[in-house]
Each structure stands twice: as C-alpha cells, then as structure tokens.
C-alpha cells in the first residue's frame, strides 16, 4: 500500500497549480479536492488547520498523517521520501 496524498486546492490558487504540476512531475499520485466546488472539502481543510491553500494531507503507510500548509517543496520531498 502506497502513501495517500490529498491536496485541498482552489482553481484560482497559483501555488495549488504549481504543487499539482510538481507532484505530477515526480510521478506522485494525488487526489485534488477543490474547496470551492465542495463544501465538505472546505470543512475538511478547515479541520486540518487551513487558513490558505494548498493544504496537503499525506496518509503514510504506517498510519501517520502529515499535514503541509502551502506549497513547501522541501517538506513534501521529506514526507514522500523523494
């Protein structure tokens, strides 16, 4: 079982688009949850402590959840062992 990567985004968010392109270039599969198109996703992002997008939730194989606020390439590399 691989890590599960969920990104909470908005269409108008530049860093969100950059993160999605970067993850794709690293061959990292992810689920994109647009907080403007689904209120449940908005509430999930708020519950993760989001005050901006993107917010990335990485569910590790060992059960650990890592939350990264903003497009933090170094934190993503570390969390995903890239």
PDB file of N, CA and C in Angstrom:
ATOM      1  N   UNK A   1       0.840  -1.193   0.000  1.00  0.00           N
ATOM      2  CA  UNK A   1       0.000   0.000   0.000  1.00  0.00           C
ATOM      3  C   UNK A   1       0.878   1.246   0.000  1.00  0.00           C
ATOM      4  N   UNK A   2       0.589   2.172  -0.892  1.00  0.00           N
ATOM      5  CA  UNK A   2       1.379   3.399  -1.000  1.00  0.00           C
ATOM      6  C   UNK A   2       0.778   4.497  -0.124  1.00  0.00           C
ATOM      7  N   UNK A   3       1.533   5.581  -0.001  1.00  0.00           N
ATOM      8  CA  UNK A   3       1.011   6.745   0.696  1.00  0.00           C
ATOM      9  C   UNK A   3      -0.195   7.282  -0.068  1.00  0.00           C
ATOM     10  N   UNK A   4      -1.149   7.850   0.666  1.00  0.00           N
ATOM     11  CA  UNK A   4      -2.278   8.534   0.052  1.00  0.00           C
ATOM     12  C   UNK A   4      -2.028  10.027   0.180  1.00  0.00           C
ATOM     13  N   UNK A   5      -2.108  10.741  -0.944  1.00  0.00           N
ATOM     14  CA  UNK A   5      -1.852  12.177  -0.962  1.00  0.00           C
ATOM     15  C   UNK A   5      -3.132  12.881  -1.396  1.00  0.00           C
ATOM     16  N   UNK A   6      -3.618  13.785  -0.546  1.00  0.00           N
ATOM     17  CA  UNK A   6      -4.820  14.569  -0.835  1.00  0.00           C
ATOM     18  C   UNK A   6      -4.429  16.043  -0.757  1.00  0.00           C
ATOM     19  N   UNK A   7      -4.763  16.798  -1.804  1.00  0.00           N
ATOM     20  CA  UNK A   7      -4.462  18.227  -1.822  1.00  0.00           C
ATOM     21  C   UNK A   7      -5.774  18.999  -1.850  1.00  0.00           C
ATOM     22  N   UNK A   8      -5.914  19.910  -0.909  1.00  0.00           N
ATOM     23  CA  UNK A   8      -7.071  20.809  -0.872  1.00  0.00           C
ATOM     24  C   UNK A   8      -6.662  22.077  -1.610  1.00  0.00           C
ATOM     25  N   UNK A   9      -7.388  22.389  -2.685  1.00  0.00           N
ATOM     26  CA  UNK A   9      -6.992  23.469  -3.582  1.00  0.00           C
ATOM     27  C   UNK A   9      -8.166  24.376  -3.936  1.00  0.00           C
ATOM     28  N   UNK A  10      -7.826  25.417  -4.713  1.00  0.00           N
ATOM     29  CA  UNK A  10      -8.810  26.284  -5.349  1.00  0.00           C
ATOM     30  C   UNK A  10      -8.310  26.533  -6.770  1.00  0.00           C
ATOM     31  N   UNK A  11      -9.228  26.686  -7.709  1.00  0.00           N
ATOM     32  CA  UNK A  11      -8.851  26.904  -9.102  1.00  0.00           C
ATOM     33  C   UNK A  11      -7.990  28.153  -9.266  1.00  0.00           C
ATOM     34  N   UNK A  12      -8.283  29.202  -8.501  1.00  0.00           N
ATOM     35  CA  UNK A  12      -7.591  30.483  -8.654  1.00  0.00           C
ATOM     36  C   UNK A  12      -6.286  30.573  -7.855  1.00  0.00           C
ATOM     37  N   UNK A  13      -5.858  29.472  -7.246  1.00  0.00           N
ATOM     38  CA  UNK A  13      -4.673  29.457  -6.382  1.00  0.00           C
ATOM     39  C   UNK A  13      -3.439  29.051  -7.184  1.00  0.00           C
ATOM     40  N   UNK A  14      -2.550  30.007  -7.440  1.00  0.00           N
ATOM     41  CA  UNK A  14      -1.324  29.733  -8.188  1.00  0.00           C
ATOM     42  C   UNK A  14      -0.459  28.651  -7.557  1.00  0.00           C
ATOM     43  N   UNK A  15      -0.156  28.771  -6.239  1.00  0.00           N
ATOM     44  CA  UNK A  15       0.660  27.730  -5.610  1.00  0.00           C
ATOM     45  C   UNK A  15       0.017  26.342  -5.672  1.00  0.00           C
ATOM     46  N   UNK A  16      -1.308  26.277  -5.684  1.00  0.00           N
ATOM     47  CA  UNK A  16      -2.004  24.981  -5.805  1.00  0.00           C
ATOM     48  C   UNK A  16      -1.666  24.344  -7.149  1.00  0.00           C
ATOM     49  N   UNK A  17      -1.751  25.146  -8.214  1.00  0.00           N
ATOM     50  CA  UNK A  17      -1.473  24.624  -9.551  1.00  0.00           C
ATOM     51  C   UNK A  17       0.001  24.202  -9.656  1.00  0.00           C
ATOM     52  N   UNK A  18       0.897  25.004  -9.062  1.00  0.00           N
ATOM     53  CA  UNK A  18       2.325  24.672  -9.075  1.00  0.00           C
ATOM     54  C   UNK A  18       2.575  23.350  -8.362  1.00  0.00           C
ATOM     55  N   UNK A  19       1.944  23.159  -7.201  1.00  0.00           N
ATOM     56  CA  UNK A  19       2.155  21.916  -6.447  1.00  0.00           C
ATOM     57  C   UNK A  19       1.641  20.714  -7.233  1.00  0.00           C
ATOM     58  N   UNK A  20       0.470  20.838  -7.855  1.00  0.00           N
ATOM     59  CA  UNK A  20      -0.071  19.718  -8.621  1.00  0.00           C
ATOM     60  C   UNK A  20       0.854  19.368  -9.793  1.00  0.00           C
ATOM     61  N   UNK A  21       1.393  20.390 -10.481  1.00  0.00           N
ATOM     62  CA  UNK A  21       2.316  20.126 -11.586  1.00  0.00           C
ATOM     63  C   UNK A  21       3.602  19.475 -11.068  1.00  0.00           C
ATOM     64  N   UNK A  22       4.099  19.949  -9.933  1.00  0.00           N
ATOM     65  CA  UNK A  22       5.327  19.399  -9.366  1.00  0.00           C
ATOM     66  C   UNK A  22       5.123  17.942  -8.959  1.00  0.00           C
ATOM     67  N   UNK A  23       4.014  17.652  -8.252  1.00  0.00           N
ATOM     68  CA  UNK A  23       3.745  16.266  -7.846  1.00  0.00           C
ATOM     69  C   UNK A  23       3.630  15.359  -9.068  1.00  0.00           C
ATOM     70  N   UNK A  24       2.959  15.830 -10.101  1.00  0.00           N
ATOM     71  CA  UNK A  24       2.824  15.038 -11.326  1.00  0.00           C
ATOM     72  C   UNK A  24       4.196  14.764 -11.937  1.00  0.00           C
ATOM     73  N   UNK A  25       5.066  15.773 -11.930  1.00  0.00           N
ATOM     74  CA  UNK A  25       6.409  15.595 -12.499  1.00  0.00           C
ATOM     75  C   UNK A  25       7.240  14.604 -11.682  1.00  0.00           C
ATOM     76  N   UNK A  26       6.889  14.420 -10.415  1.00  0.00           N
ATOM     77  CA  UNK A  26       7.573  13.471  -9.541  1.00  0.00           C
ATOM     78  C   UNK A  26       6.887  12.096  -9.549  1.00  0.00           C
ATOM     79  N   UNK A  27       5.877  11.932 -10.411  1.00  0.00           N
ATOM     80  CA  UNK A  27       5.092  10.696 -10.515  1.00  0.00           C
ATOM     81  C   UNK A  27       4.420  10.330  -9.183  1.00  0.00           C
ATOM     82  N   UNK A  28       3.943  11.359  -8.475  1.00  0.00           N
ATOM     83  CA  UNK A  28       3.225  11.141  -7.219  1.00  0.00           C
ATOM     84  C   UNK A  28       1.728  11.259  -7.511  1.00  0.00           C
ATOM     85  N   UNK A  29       0.996  10.183  -7.273  1.00  0.00           N
ATOM     86  CA  UNK A  29      -0.456  10.203  -7.465  1.00  0.00           C
ATOM     87  C   UNK A  29      -1.089  10.979  -6.312  1.00  0.00           C
ATOM     88  N   UNK A  30      -2.107  11.770  -6.626  1.00  0.00           N
ATOM     89  CA  UNK A  30      -2.775  12.549  -5.590  1.00  0.00           C
ATOM     90  C   UNK A  30      -4.237  12.743  -5.947  1.00  0.00           C
ATOM     91  N   UNK A  31      -5.016  13.046  -4.914  1.00  0.00           N
ATOM     92  CA  UNK A  31      -6.431  13.398  -5.099  1.00  0.00           C
ATOM     93  C   UNK A  31      -6.553  14.894  -4.899  1.00  0.00           C
ATOM     94  N   UNK A  32      -7.135  15.574  -5.876  1.00  0.00           N
ATOM     95  CA  UNK A  32      -7.326  17.023  -5.822  1.00  0.00           C
ATOM     96  C   UNK A  32      -8.736  17.306  -5.306  1.00  0.00           C
ATOM     97  N   UNK A  33      -8.820  17.996  -4.172  1.00  0.00           N
ATOM     98  CA  UNK A  33     -10.123  18.353  -3.601  1.00  0.00           C
ATOM     99  C   UNK A  33     -10.286  19.866  -3.633  1.00  0.00           C
ATOM    100  N   UNK A  34     -11.105  20.342  -4.561  1.00  0.00           N
ATOM    101  CA  UNK A  34     -11.345  21.774  -4.731  1.00  0.00           C
ATOM    102  C   UNK A  34     -12.339  22.247  -3.668  1.00  0.00           C
ATOM    103  N   UNK A  35     -11.864  23.092  -2.776  1.00  0.00           N
ATOM    104  CA  UNK A  35     -12.694  23.537  -1.645  1.00  0.00           C
ATOM    105  C   UNK A  35     -13.814  24.483  -2.062  1.00  0.00           C
ATOM    106  N   UNK A  36     -13.733  25.037  -3.271  1.00  0.00           N
ATOM    107  CA  UNK A  36     -14.786  25.934  -3.753  1.00  0.00           C
ATOM    108  C   UNK A  36     -15.916  25.179  -4.430  1.00  0.00           C
ATOM    109  N   UNK A  37     -15.646  23.952  -4.818  1.00  0.00           N
ATOM    110  CA  UNK A  37     -16.667  23.160  -5.516  1.00  0.00           C
ATOM    111  C   UNK A  37     -17.389  22.196  -4.590  1.00  0.00           C
ATOM    112  N   UNK A  38     -16.855  22.006  -3.382  1.00  0.00           N
ATOM    113  CA  UNK A  38     -17.455  21.040  -2.466  1.00  0.00           C
ATOM    114  C   UNK A  38     -17.268  21.536  -1.034  1.00  0.00           C
ATOM    115  N   UNK A  39     -18.370  21.887  -0.383  1.00  0.00           N
ATOM    116  CA  UNK A  39     -18.284  22.444   0.970  1.00  0.00           C
ATOM    117  C   UNK A  39     -17.707  21.448   1.965  1.00  0.00           C
ATOM    118  N   UNK A  40     -17.922  20.151   1.740  1.00  0.00           N
ATOM    119  CA  UNK A  40     -17.355  19.142   2.643  1.00  0.00           C
ATOM    120  C   UNK A  40     -15.827  19.211   2.600  1.00  0.00           C
ATOM    121  N   UNK A  41     -15.264  19.424   1.408  1.00  0.00           N
ATOM    122  CA  UNK A  41     -13.808  19.555   1.285  1.00  0.00           C
ATOM    123  C   UNK A  41     -13.323  20.812   2.004  1.00  0.00           C
ATOM    124  N   UNK A  42     -14.101  21.887   1.888  1.00  0.00           N
ATOM    125  CA  UNK A  42     -13.760  23.131   2.587  1.00  0.00           C
ATOM    126  C   UNK A  42     -13.703  22.875   4.090  1.00  0.00           C
ATOM    127  N   UNK A  43     -14.704  22.181   4.618  1.00  0.00           N
ATOM    128  CA  UNK A  43     -14.742  21.881   6.046  1.00  0.00           C
ATOM    129  C   UNK A  43     -13.584  20.971   6.460  1.00  0.00           C
ATOM    130  N   UNK A  44     -13.240  19.996   5.613  1.00  0.00           N
ATOM    131  CA  UNK A  44     -12.098  19.120   5.897  1.00  0.00           C
ATOM    132  C   UNK A  44     -10.815  19.945   5.983  1.00  0.00           C
ATOM    133  N   UNK A  45     -10.623  20.866   5.040  1.00  0.00           N
ATOM    134  CA  UNK A  45      -9.414  21.698   5.030  1.00  0.00           C
ATOM    135  C   UNK A  45      -9.344  22.548   6.297  1.00  0.00           C
ATOM    136  N   UNK A  46     -10.465  23.114   6.704  1.00  0.00           N
ATOM    137  CA  UNK A  46     -10.518  23.912   7.935  1.00  0.00           C
ATOM    138  C   UNK A  46     -10.143  23.039   9.130  1.00  0.00           C
ATOM    139  N   UNK A  47     -10.644  21.809   9.159  1.00  0.00           N
ATOM    140  CA  UNK A  47     -10.355  20.914  10.280  1.00  0.00           C
ATOM    141  C   UNK A  47      -8.871  20.540  10.345  1.00  0.00           C
ATOM    142  N   UNK A  48      -8.173  20.672   9.210  1.00  0.00           N
ATOM    143  CA  UNK A  48      -6.726  20.406   9.180  1.00  0.00           C
ATOM    144  C   UNK A  48      -5.915  21.646   9.571  1.00  0.00           C
ATOM    145  N   UNK A  49      -6.621  22.737   9.905  1.00  0.00           N
ATOM    146  CA  UNK A  49      -5.940  23.950  10.328  1.00  0.00           C
ATOM    147  C   UNK A  49      -5.636  24.910   9.194  1.00  0.00           C
ATOM    148  N   UNK A  50      -6.288  24.712   8.065  1.00  0.00           N
ATOM    149  CA  UNK A  50      -6.001  25.534   6.889  1.00  0.00           C
ATOM    150  C   UNK A  50      -6.488  26.960   7.063  1.00  0.00           C
ATOM    151  N   UNK A  51      -5.621  27.906   6.698  1.00  0.00           N
ATOM    152  CA  UNK A  51      -6.037  29.298   6.576  1.00  0.00           C
ATOM    153  C   UNK A  51      -5.781  29.765   5.154  1.00  0.00           C
ATOM    154  N   UNK A  52      -5.200  28.872   4.340  1.00  0.00           N
ATOM    155  CA  UNK A  52      -4.931  29.161   2.927  1.00  0.00           C
ATOM    156  C   UNK A  52      -4.796  27.827   2.200  1.00  0.00           C
ATOM    157  N   UNK A  53      -4.728  27.894   0.880  1.00  0.00           N
ATOM    158  CA  UNK A  53      -4.487  26.696   0.081  1.00  0.00           C
ATOM    159  C   UNK A  53      -3.151  26.865  -0.618  1.00  0.00           C
ATOM    160  N   UNK A  54      -2.498  25.801  -1.013  1.00  0.00           N
ATOM    161  CA  UNK A  54      -2.910  24.418  -0.829  1.00  0.00           C
ATOM    162  C   UNK A  54      -2.638  23.909   0.578  1.00  0.00           C
ATOM    163  N   UNK A  55      -3.398  22.915   0.961  1.00  0.00           N
ATOM    164  CA  UNK A  55      -3.126  22.134   2.161  1.00  0.00           C
ATOM    165  C   UNK A  55      -3.008  20.694   1.682  1.00  0.00           C
ATOM    166  N   UNK A  56      -1.929  20.043   2.060  1.00  0.00           N
ATOM    167  CA  UNK A  56      -1.680  18.681   1.612  1.00  0.00           C
ATOM    168  C   UNK A  56      -1.727  17.740   2.800  1.00  0.00           C
ATOM    169  N   UNK A  57      -2.523  16.696   2.670  1.00  0.00           N
ATOM    170  CA  UNK A  57      -2.619  15.649   3.685  1.00  0.00           C
ATOM    171  C   UNK A  57      -1.974  14.400   3.101  1.00  0.00           C
ATOM    172  N   UNK A  58      -0.952  13.916   3.789  1.00  0.00           N
ATOM    173  CA  UNK A  58      -0.275  12.699   3.368  1.00  0.00           C
ATOM    174  C   UNK A  58      -0.539  11.645   4.424  1.00  0.00           C
ATOM    175  N   UNK A  59      -1.239  10.593   4.008  1.00  0.00           N
ATOM    176  CA  UNK A  59      -1.526   9.474   4.910  1.00  0.00           C
ATOM    177  C   UNK A  59      -0.465   8.408   4.633  1.00  0.00           C
ATOM    178  N   UNK A  60       0.450   8.241   5.582  1.00  0.00           N
ATOM    179  CA  UNK A  60       1.566   7.313   5.418  1.00  0.00           C
ATOM    180  C   UNK A  60       1.100   5.876   5.636  1.00  0.00           C
ATOM    181  N   UNK A  61       1.869   4.949   5.082  1.00  0.00           N
ATOM    182  CA  UNK A  61       1.540   3.530   5.210  1.00  0.00           C
ATOM    183  C   UNK A  61       1.496   3.085   6.661  1.00  0.00           C
ATOM    184  N   UNK A  62       2.311   3.729   7.518  1.00  0.00           N
ATOM    185  CA  UNK A  62       2.372   3.334   8.934  1.00  0.00           C
ATOM    186  C   UNK A  62       1.248   3.957   9.771  1.00  0.00           C
ATOM    187  N   UNK A  63       0.325   4.678   9.118  1.00  0.00           N
ATOM    188  CA  UNK A  63      -0.799   5.274   9.830  1.00  0.00           C
ATOM    189  C   UNK A  63      -0.586   6.724  10.225  1.00  0.00           C
ATOM    190  N   UNK A  64       0.635   7.225  10.053  1.00  0.00           N
ATOM    191  CA  UNK A  64       0.927   8.625  10.389  1.00  0.00           C
ATOM    192  C   UNK A  64       0.303   9.542   9.349  1.00  0.00           C
ATOM    193  N   UNK A  65      -0.276  10.655   9.813  1.00  0.00           N
ATOM    194  CA  UNK A  65      -0.788  11.692   8.918  1.00  0.00           C
ATOM    195  C   UNK A  65       0.146  12.892   8.983  1.00  0.00           C
ATOM    196  N   UNK A  66       0.553  13.380   7.816  1.00  0.00           N
ATOM    197  CA  UNK A  66       1.386  14.576   7.736  1.00  0.00           C
ATOM    198  C   UNK A  66       0.576  15.644   7.026  1.00  0.00           C
ATOM    199  N   UNK A  67       0.535  16.831   7.606  1.00  0.00           N
ATOM    200  CA  UNK A  67      -0.198  17.950   7.016  1.00  0.00           C
ATOM    201  C   UNK A  67       0.814  19.024   6.658  1.00  0.00           C
ATOM    202  N   UNK A  68       0.776  19.474   5.410  1.00  0.00           N
ATOM    203  CA  UNK A  68       1.684  20.515   4.942  1.00  0.00           C
ATOM    204  C   UNK A  68       0.841  21.682   4.446  1.00  0.00           C
ATOM    205  N   UNK A  69       1.096  22.855   5.014  1.00  0.00           N
ATOM    206  CA  UNK A  69       0.372  24.072   4.629  1.00  0.00           C
ATOM    207  C   UNK A  69       1.196  24.845   3.606  1.00  0.00           C
ATOM    208  N   UNK A  70       0.558  25.218   2.495  1.00  0.00           N
ATOM    209  CA  UNK A  70       1.264  25.915   1.431  1.00  0.00           C
ATOM    210  C   UNK A  70       2.051  24.926   0.578  1.00  0.00           C
ATOM    211  N   UNK A  71       2.622  25.432  -0.518  1.00  0.00           N
ATOM    212  CA  UNK A  71       3.439  24.591  -1.394  1.00  0.00           C
ATOM    213  C   UNK A  71       4.867  24.641  -0.869  1.00  0.00           C
ATOM    214  N   UNK A  72       5.187  23.684  -0.004  1.00  0.00           N
ATOM    215  CA  UNK A  72       6.513  23.589   0.622  1.00  0.00           C
ATOM    216  C   UNK A  72       7.217  22.374   0.018  1.00  0.00           C
ATOM    217  N   UNK A  73       7.976  22.626  -1.047  1.00  0.00           N
ATOM    218  CA  UNK A  73       8.605  21.540  -1.803  1.00  0.00           C
ATOM    219  C   UNK A  73       9.523  20.688  -0.927  1.00  0.00           C
ATOM    220  N   UNK A  74      10.285  21.328  -0.049  1.00  0.00           N
ATOM    221  CA  UNK A  74      11.211  20.562   0.805  1.00  0.00           C
ATOM    222  C   UNK A  74      10.455  19.661   1.782  1.00  0.00           C
ATOM    223  N   UNK A  75       9.381  20.177   2.368  1.00  0.00           N
ATOM    224  CA  UNK A  75       8.578  19.366   3.291  1.00  0.00           C
ATOM    225  C   UNK A  75       7.923  18.199   2.546  1.00  0.00           C
ATOM    226  N   UNK A  76       7.471  18.452   1.328  1.00  0.00           N
ATOM    227  CA  UNK A  76       6.869  17.390   0.523  1.00  0.00           C
ATOM    228  C   UNK A  76       7.894  16.327   0.180  1.00  0.00           C
ATOM    229  N   UNK A  77       9.112  16.739  -0.217  1.00  0.00           N
ATOM    230  CA  UNK A  77      10.170  15.777  -0.537  1.00  0.00           C
ATOM    231  C   UNK A  77      10.464  14.893   0.658  1.00  0.00           C
ATOM    232  N   UNK A  78      10.553  15.514   1.844  1.00  0.00           N
ATOM    233  CA  UNK A  78      10.848  14.742   3.057  1.00  0.00           C
ATOM    234  C   UNK A  78       9.713  13.783   3.384  1.00  0.00           C
ATOM    235  N   UNK A  79       8.476  14.284   3.360  1.00  0.00           N
ATOM    236  CA  UNK A  79       7.326  13.468   3.730  1.00  0.00           C
ATOM    237  C   UNK A  79       7.114  12.297   2.775  1.00  0.00           C
ATOM    238  N   UNK A  80       7.461  12.524   1.489  1.00  0.00           N
ATOM    239  CA  UNK A  80       7.233  11.491   0.478  1.00  0.00           C
ATOM    240  C   UNK A  80       8.497  10.706   0.145  1.00  0.00           C
ATOM    241  N   UNK A  81       9.572  10.980   0.878  1.00  0.00           N
ATOM    242  CA  UNK A  81      10.857  10.296   0.659  1.00  0.00           C
ATOM    243  C   UNK A  81      11.323  10.398  -0.792  1.00  0.00           C
ATOM    244  N   UNK A  82      11.280  11.619  -1.326  1.00  0.00           N
ATOM    245  CA  UNK A  82      11.709  11.848  -2.719  1.00  0.00           C
ATOM    246  C   UNK A  82      13.140  12.337  -2.758  1.00  0.00           C
TER     247      UNK A  82
END
